[in-house]
Amino acid sequence: MTYLMLHLRARRVPVAASVALATSACAWLSWFLASDARQVGPPLAAVAVMLACVAVSVTLAGDDEALDRTAAFSWPRLRAIHLLAAFGLLLGLFTVTLATPVQFGPFGFVMRDTAGLLGLTALGAVILGAQRAWFAPVCLSVIAVFWGGPTTNHGLQILTWMTQPVGTTASTVTSIALAVIGTGAYVRGRTSLPRTENL
């Protein structure tokens, strides 16, 4: 078995990809059955992207950071490639629906939410550990779904950036900031799944 396959299995990538696919498919199917609109509504689209990013969160660290550090290669480079691949996978997962009767879109909306939420998830993995990286995306999604929608209030645009219309300056800047800060912290930082210590 090649190193790549071992790495993917150690980081639980196949399981994470399956969960991301399943959650997005369920969101797509529910909208297809319940609505006549061609485009998935912003709240459901934001939640679908969030769930996919939460699925990816478990791949952001190995079970043993000390063992990871013994590897003779550049972790910052590998982490950057890992995040870039995750971004490409999730973006492709949602944009492929543009060719179906129901679509996650527009493209700018999906790209903004995927970049921002993945960056937030990576930041959570650094601060809280990969096992708890879901906390911030989930909490922010709940706020965005219940209090989101088009608004001229800049504070609300920032807080509910995931559900704002494409082109809203505050939501775009917030997404970019989260993507850059989260990626930078993850690439340069250290994270691992919390372990239970024997007393």
C-alpha atoms as a PDB file:
ATOM      1  CA  MET A   1       0.000   0.000   0.000  1.00  0.00           C
ATOM      2  CA  THR A   2       1.414   3.393  -0.981  1.00  0.00           C
ATOM      3  CA  TYR A   3       2.189   6.157   1.491  1.00  0.00           C
ATOM      4  CA  LEU A   4      -0.666   8.271   0.101  1.00  0.00           C
ATOM      5  CA  MET A   5      -3.235   5.567   0.792  1.00  0.00           C
ATOM      6  CA  LEU A   6      -1.864   5.018   4.296  1.00  0.00           C
ATOM      7  CA  HIS A   7      -2.000   8.748   4.979  1.00  0.00           C
ATOM      8  CA  LEU A   8      -5.585   9.040   3.717  1.00  0.00           C
ATOM      9  CA  ARG A   9      -6.719   6.125   5.846  1.00  0.00           C
ATOM     10  CA  ALA A  10      -4.871   7.408   8.934  1.00  0.00           C
ATOM     11  CA  ARG A  11      -6.599  10.764   8.550  1.00  0.00           C
ATOM     12  CA  ARG A  12     -10.000   9.115   8.011  1.00  0.00           C
ATOM     13  CA  VAL A  13     -10.375  10.793   4.607  1.00  0.00           C
ATOM     14  CA  PRO A  14     -12.551   8.073   2.969  1.00  0.00           C
ATOM     15  CA  VAL A  15     -15.059   8.223   5.844  1.00  0.00           C
ATOM     16  CA  ALA A  16     -15.077  12.030   5.870  1.00  0.00           C
ATOM     17  CA  ALA A  17     -15.624  12.178   2.106  1.00  0.00           C
ATOM     18  CA  SER A  18     -18.498   9.695   2.374  1.00  0.00           C
ATOM     19  CA  VAL A  19     -20.171  11.724   5.136  1.00  0.00           C
ATOM     20  CA  ALA A  20     -19.751  14.974   3.181  1.00  0.00           C
ATOM     21  CA  LEU A  21     -21.280  13.339   0.113  1.00  0.00           C
ATOM     22  CA  ALA A  22     -24.162  11.878   2.130  1.00  0.00           C
ATOM     23  CA  THR A  23     -25.069  15.143   3.882  1.00  0.00           C
ATOM     24  CA  SER A  24     -24.960  17.184   0.667  1.00  0.00           C
ATOM     25  CA  ALA A  25     -27.025  14.537  -1.139  1.00  0.00           C
ATOM     26  CA  CYS A  26     -29.640  14.616   1.626  1.00  0.00           C
ATOM     27  CA  ALA A  27     -29.855  18.414   1.422  1.00  0.00           C
ATOM     28  CA  TRP A  28     -30.136  18.244  -2.375  1.00  0.00           C
ATOM     29  CA  LEU A  29     -32.840  15.578  -2.235  1.00  0.00           C
ATOM     30  CA  SER A  30     -34.865  17.335   0.463  1.00  0.00           C
ATOM     31  CA  TRP A  31     -34.942  20.551  -1.580  1.00  0.00           C
ATOM     32  CA  PHE A  32     -35.776  18.628  -4.756  1.00  0.00           C
ATOM     33  CA  LEU A  33     -38.757  16.968  -3.066  1.00  0.00           C
ATOM     34  CA  ALA A  34     -40.015  19.944  -1.060  1.00  0.00           C
ATOM     35  CA  SER A  35     -39.538  22.928  -3.358  1.00  0.00           C
ATOM     36  CA  ASP A  36     -40.258  23.923  -6.947  1.00  0.00           C
ATOM     37  CA  ALA A  37     -37.366  26.385  -6.967  1.00  0.00           C
ATOM     38  CA  ARG A  38     -34.324  25.355  -8.974  1.00  0.00           C
ATOM     39  CA  GLN A  39     -31.787  26.840  -6.579  1.00  0.00           C
ATOM     40  CA  VAL A  40     -31.360  25.603  -3.008  1.00  0.00           C
ATOM     41  CA  GLY A  41     -32.228  28.328  -0.498  1.00  0.00           C
ATOM     42  CA  PRO A  42     -29.313  30.144   1.186  1.00  0.00           C
ATOM     43  CA  PRO A  43     -30.003  28.763   4.715  1.00  0.00           C
ATOM     44  CA  LEU A  44     -30.058  25.120   3.575  1.00  0.00           C
ATOM     45  CA  ALA A  45     -27.090  25.660   1.263  1.00  0.00           C
ATOM     46  CA  ALA A  46     -25.086  27.202   4.114  1.00  0.00           C
ATOM     47  CA  VAL A  47     -25.969  24.320   6.432  1.00  0.00           C
ATOM     48  CA  ALA A  48     -25.016  21.757   3.767  1.00  0.00           C
ATOM     49  CA  VAL A  49     -21.612  23.403   3.316  1.00  0.00           C
ATOM     50  CA  MET A  50     -21.155  23.559   7.090  1.00  0.00           C
ATOM     51  CA  LEU A  51     -21.914  19.851   7.517  1.00  0.00           C
ATOM     52  CA  ALA A  52     -19.435  18.979   4.789  1.00  0.00           C
ATOM     53  CA  CYS A  53     -16.747  21.073   6.511  1.00  0.00           C
ATOM     54  CA  VAL A  54     -17.536  19.415   9.841  1.00  0.00           C
ATOM     55  CA  ALA A  55     -17.020  16.041   8.165  1.00  0.00           C
ATOM     56  CA  VAL A  56     -13.627  17.229   6.913  1.00  0.00           C
ATOM     57  CA  SER A  57     -12.631  18.423  10.408  1.00  0.00           C
ATOM     58  CA  VAL A  58     -11.703  14.909  11.588  1.00  0.00           C
ATOM     59  CA  THR A  59      -9.076  14.682   8.837  1.00  0.00           C
ATOM     60  CA  LEU A  60      -7.162  17.724  10.080  1.00  0.00           C
ATOM     61  CA  ALA A  61      -5.081  15.821  12.640  1.00  0.00           C
ATOM     62  CA  GLY A  62      -3.667  12.400  13.327  1.00  0.00           C
ATOM     63  CA  ASP A  63      -4.313  10.395  16.466  1.00  0.00           C
ATOM     64  CA  ASP A  64      -0.843  11.067  17.841  1.00  0.00           C
ATOM     65  CA  GLU A  65       0.892  14.390  17.190  1.00  0.00           C
ATOM     66  CA  ALA A  66       4.171  13.164  18.691  1.00  0.00           C
ATOM     67  CA  LEU A  67       4.241  10.342  16.133  1.00  0.00           C
ATOM     68  CA  ASP A  68       3.404  12.779  13.341  1.00  0.00           C
ATOM     69  CA  ARG A  69       6.402  14.930  14.260  1.00  0.00           C
ATOM     70  CA  THR A  70       8.775  12.016  13.681  1.00  0.00           C
ATOM     71  CA  ALA A  71       7.953  12.008   9.968  1.00  0.00           C
ATOM     72  CA  ALA A  72      10.768  13.352   7.797  1.00  0.00           C
ATOM     73  CA  PHE A  73       8.828  15.814   5.661  1.00  0.00           C
ATOM     74  CA  SER A  74       7.446  19.336   5.799  1.00  0.00           C
ATOM     75  CA  TRP A  75       4.203  19.407   7.767  1.00  0.00           C
ATOM     76  CA  PRO A  76       3.343  23.007   6.782  1.00  0.00           C
ATOM     77  CA  ARG A  77       3.466  22.069   3.099  1.00  0.00           C
ATOM     78  CA  LEU A  78       1.463  18.889   3.657  1.00  0.00           C
ATOM     79  CA  ARG A  79      -1.160  20.755   5.686  1.00  0.00           C
ATOM     80  CA  ALA A  80      -1.481  23.420   3.002  1.00  0.00           C
ATOM     81  CA  ILE A  81      -1.975  20.726   0.346  1.00  0.00           C
ATOM     82  CA  HIS A  82      -4.468  18.939   2.610  1.00  0.00           C
ATOM     83  CA  LEU A  83      -6.616  22.065   3.021  1.00  0.00           C
ATOM     84  CA  LEU A  84      -6.388  22.932  -0.662  1.00  0.00           C
ATOM     85  CA  ALA A  85      -7.468  19.408  -1.619  1.00  0.00           C
ATOM     86  CA  ALA A  86     -10.347  19.533   0.869  1.00  0.00           C
ATOM     87  CA  PHE A  87     -11.457  22.881  -0.552  1.00  0.00           C
ATOM     88  CA  GLY A  88     -11.338  21.533  -4.102  1.00  0.00           C
ATOM     89  CA  LEU A  89     -13.229  18.390  -3.138  1.00  0.00           C
ATOM     90  CA  LEU A  90     -16.025  20.246  -1.339  1.00  0.00           C
ATOM     91  CA  LEU A  91     -16.310  22.924  -4.001  1.00  0.00           C
ATOM     92  CA  GLY A  92     -16.530  20.257  -6.680  1.00  0.00           C
ATOM     93  CA  LEU A  93     -19.116  18.358  -4.652  1.00  0.00           C
ATOM     94  CA  PHE A  94     -21.465  21.342  -4.637  1.00  0.00           C
ATOM     95  CA  THR A  95     -20.768  22.822  -8.061  1.00  0.00           C
ATOM     96  CA  VAL A  96     -21.444  19.518  -9.811  1.00  0.00           C
ATOM     97  CA  THR A  97     -25.105  20.116  -8.916  1.00  0.00           C
ATOM     98  CA  LEU A  98     -25.144  23.066 -11.341  1.00  0.00           C
ATOM     99  CA  ALA A  99     -25.790  20.457 -14.035  1.00  0.00           C
ATOM    100  CA  THR A 100     -28.778  18.940 -12.178  1.00  0.00           C
ATOM    101  CA  PRO A 101     -32.426  20.040 -11.819  1.00  0.00           C
ATOM    102  CA  VAL A 102     -31.618  21.379  -8.328  1.00  0.00           C
ATOM    103  CA  GLN A 103     -28.404  23.249  -7.676  1.00  0.00           C
ATOM    104  CA  PHE A 104     -26.353  24.670  -4.864  1.00  0.00           C
ATOM    105  CA  GLY A 105     -25.509  28.107  -6.052  1.00  0.00           C
ATOM    106  CA  PRO A 106     -24.714  30.509  -7.377  1.00  0.00           C
ATOM    107  CA  PHE A 107     -21.077  29.488  -7.716  1.00  0.00           C
ATOM    108  CA  GLY A 108     -19.826  32.562  -5.853  1.00  0.00           C
ATOM    109  CA  PHE A 109     -22.058  31.741  -2.880  1.00  0.00           C
ATOM    110  CA  VAL A 110     -20.765  28.181  -2.610  1.00  0.00           C
ATOM    111  CA  MET A 111     -17.135  29.223  -3.051  1.00  0.00           C
ATOM    112  CA  ARG A 112     -17.458  31.959  -0.397  1.00  0.00           C
ATOM    113  CA  ASP A 113     -19.106  29.701   2.168  1.00  0.00           C
ATOM    114  CA  THR A 114     -16.782  26.765   1.529  1.00  0.00           C
ATOM    115  CA  ALA A 115     -13.646  28.896   1.854  1.00  0.00           C
ATOM    116  CA  GLY A 116     -14.820  30.713   4.981  1.00  0.00           C
ATOM    117  CA  LEU A 117     -16.217  27.697   6.803  1.00  0.00           C
ATOM    118  CA  LEU A 118     -13.225  25.510   5.974  1.00  0.00           C
ATOM    119  CA  GLY A 119     -10.931  28.234   7.283  1.00  0.00           C
ATOM    120  CA  LEU A 120     -13.019  28.508  10.442  1.00  0.00           C
ATOM    121  CA  THR A 121     -12.914  24.734  10.871  1.00  0.00           C
ATOM    122  CA  ALA A 122      -9.120  24.708  10.467  1.00  0.00           C
ATOM    123  CA  LEU A 123      -8.826  27.485  13.048  1.00  0.00           C
ATOM    124  CA  GLY A 124     -11.008  25.464  15.409  1.00  0.00           C
ATOM    125  CA  ALA A 125      -8.772  22.432  14.924  1.00  0.00           C
ATOM    126  CA  VAL A 126      -5.763  24.475  16.006  1.00  0.00           C
ATOM    127  CA  ILE A 127      -7.440  26.039  19.043  1.00  0.00           C
ATOM    128  CA  LEU A 128      -9.725  23.237  20.249  1.00  0.00           C
ATOM    129  CA  GLY A 129      -8.344  20.131  18.544  1.00  0.00           C
ATOM    130  CA  ALA A 130      -9.714  18.370  15.479  1.00  0.00           C
ATOM    131  CA  GLN A 131     -12.335  16.515  17.497  1.00  0.00           C
ATOM    132  CA  ARG A 132     -13.942  19.797  18.578  1.00  0.00           C
ATOM    133  CA  ALA A 133     -13.303  21.810  15.420  1.00  0.00           C
ATOM    134  CA  TRP A 134     -16.999  21.523  14.542  1.00  0.00           C
ATOM    135  CA  PHE A 135     -18.059  23.780  17.408  1.00  0.00           C
ATOM    136  CA  ALA A 136     -17.533  27.200  15.789  1.00  0.00           C
ATOM    137  CA  PRO A 137     -18.989  26.340  12.330  1.00  0.00           C
ATOM    138  CA  VAL A 138     -22.086  24.770  13.872  1.00  0.00           C
ATOM    139  CA  CYS A 139     -22.751  27.662  16.271  1.00  0.00           C
ATOM    140  CA  LEU A 140     -22.217  30.258  13.550  1.00  0.00           C
ATOM    141  CA  SER A 141     -24.510  28.362  11.171  1.00  0.00           C
ATOM    142  CA  VAL A 142     -27.318  28.300  13.744  1.00  0.00           C
ATOM    143  CA  ILE A 143     -27.017  32.075  14.143  1.00  0.00           C
ATOM    144  CA  ALA A 144     -26.918  32.620  10.371  1.00  0.00           C
ATOM    145  CA  VAL A 145     -29.968  30.429   9.721  1.00  0.00           C
ATOM    146  CA  PHE A 146     -32.150  32.023  12.396  1.00  0.00           C
ATOM    147  CA  TRP A 147     -31.061  35.659  12.024  1.00  0.00           C
ATOM    148  CA  GLY A 148     -29.688  35.689   8.487  1.00  0.00           C
ATOM    149  CA  GLY A 149     -31.117  37.154   5.306  1.00  0.00           C
ATOM    150  CA  PRO A 150     -30.485  40.294   3.248  1.00  0.00           C
ATOM    151  CA  THR A 151     -29.828  43.286   5.496  1.00  0.00           C
ATOM    152  CA  THR A 152     -28.085  46.661   5.351  1.00  0.00           C
ATOM    153  CA  ASN A 153     -26.789  46.329   8.917  1.00  0.00           C
ATOM    154  CA  HIS A 154     -23.041  45.737   8.622  1.00  0.00           C
ATOM    155  CA  GLY A 155     -22.851  43.994  11.995  1.00  0.00           C
ATOM    156  CA  LEU A 156     -25.504  41.473  10.981  1.00  0.00           C
ATOM    157  CA  GLN A 157     -23.889  41.056   7.563  1.00  0.00           C
ATOM    158  CA  ILE A 158     -20.676  40.014   9.287  1.00  0.00           C
ATOM    159  CA  LEU A 159     -22.389  37.780  11.843  1.00  0.00           C
ATOM    160  CA  THR A 160     -24.593  36.057   9.257  1.00  0.00           C
ATOM    161  CA  TRP A 161     -22.167  36.201   6.343  1.00  0.00           C
ATOM    162  CA  MET A 162     -22.954  32.623   5.262  1.00  0.00           C
ATOM    163  CA  THR A 163     -26.519  33.457   4.217  1.00  0.00           C
ATOM    164  CA  GLN A 164     -25.952  36.919   2.751  1.00  0.00           C
ATOM    165  CA  PRO A 165     -26.400  37.460  -0.999  1.00  0.00           C
ATOM    166  CA  VAL A 166     -23.350  37.066  -3.210  1.00  0.00           C
ATOM    167  CA  GLY A 167     -21.489  40.330  -3.612  1.00  0.00           C
ATOM    168  CA  THR A 168     -22.215  41.639  -0.120  1.00  0.00           C
ATOM    169  CA  THR A 169     -18.920  43.287   0.779  1.00  0.00           C
ATOM    170  CA  ALA A 170     -19.030  42.534   4.515  1.00  0.00           C
ATOM    171  CA  SER A 171     -19.774  38.832   3.978  1.00  0.00           C
ATOM    172  CA  THR A 172     -17.082  38.487   1.311  1.00  0.00           C
ATOM    173  CA  VAL A 173     -14.438  40.167   3.477  1.00  0.00           C
ATOM    174  CA  THR A 174     -15.444  38.035   6.489  1.00  0.00           C
ATOM    175  CA  SER A 175     -15.153  34.841   4.449  1.00  0.00           C
ATOM    176  CA  ILE A 176     -11.749  35.806   3.068  1.00  0.00           C
ATOM    177  CA  ALA A 177     -10.495  36.762   6.533  1.00  0.00           C
ATOM    178  CA  LEU A 178     -11.606  33.441   8.025  1.00  0.00           C
ATOM    179  CA  ALA A 179     -10.079  31.495   5.139  1.00  0.00           C
ATOM    180  CA  VAL A 180      -6.722  33.293   5.394  1.00  0.00           C
ATOM    181  CA  ILE A 181      -6.491  33.291   9.205  1.00  0.00           C
ATOM    182  CA  GLY A 182      -7.667  29.693   9.544  1.00  0.00           C
ATOM    183  CA  THR A 183      -5.371  28.395   6.823  1.00  0.00           C
ATOM    184  CA  GLY A 184      -2.390  30.310   8.174  1.00  0.00           C
ATOM    185  CA  ALA A 185      -2.968  29.109  11.733  1.00  0.00           C
ATOM    186  CA  TYR A 186      -3.433  25.497  10.638  1.00  0.00           C
ATOM    187  CA  VAL A 187      -0.398  25.431   8.334  1.00  0.00           C
ATOM    188  CA  ARG A 188       1.892  26.993  10.940  1.00  0.00           C
ATOM    189  CA  GLY A 189       0.320  25.573  14.087  1.00  0.00           C
ATOM    190  CA  ARG A 190       0.030  22.169  15.715  1.00  0.00           C
ATOM    191  CA  THR A 191      -3.111  20.224  16.376  1.00  0.00           C
ATOM    192  CA  SER A 192      -4.076  16.730  17.425  1.00  0.00           C
ATOM    193  CA  LEU A 193      -7.082  14.808  18.575  1.00  0.00           C
ATOM    194  CA  PRO A 194      -7.456  15.057  22.362  1.00  0.00           C
ATOM    195  CA  ARG A 195      -6.279  11.919  24.121  1.00  0.00           C
ATOM    196  CA  THR A 196      -7.377  10.525  27.442  1.00  0.00           C
ATOM    197  CA  GLU A 197      -4.501  10.382  29.860  1.00  0.00           C
ATOM    198  CA  ASN A 198      -4.171   7.483  32.271  1.00  0.00           C
ATOM    199  CA  LEU A 199      -4.321   8.650  35.877  1.00  0.00           C
END
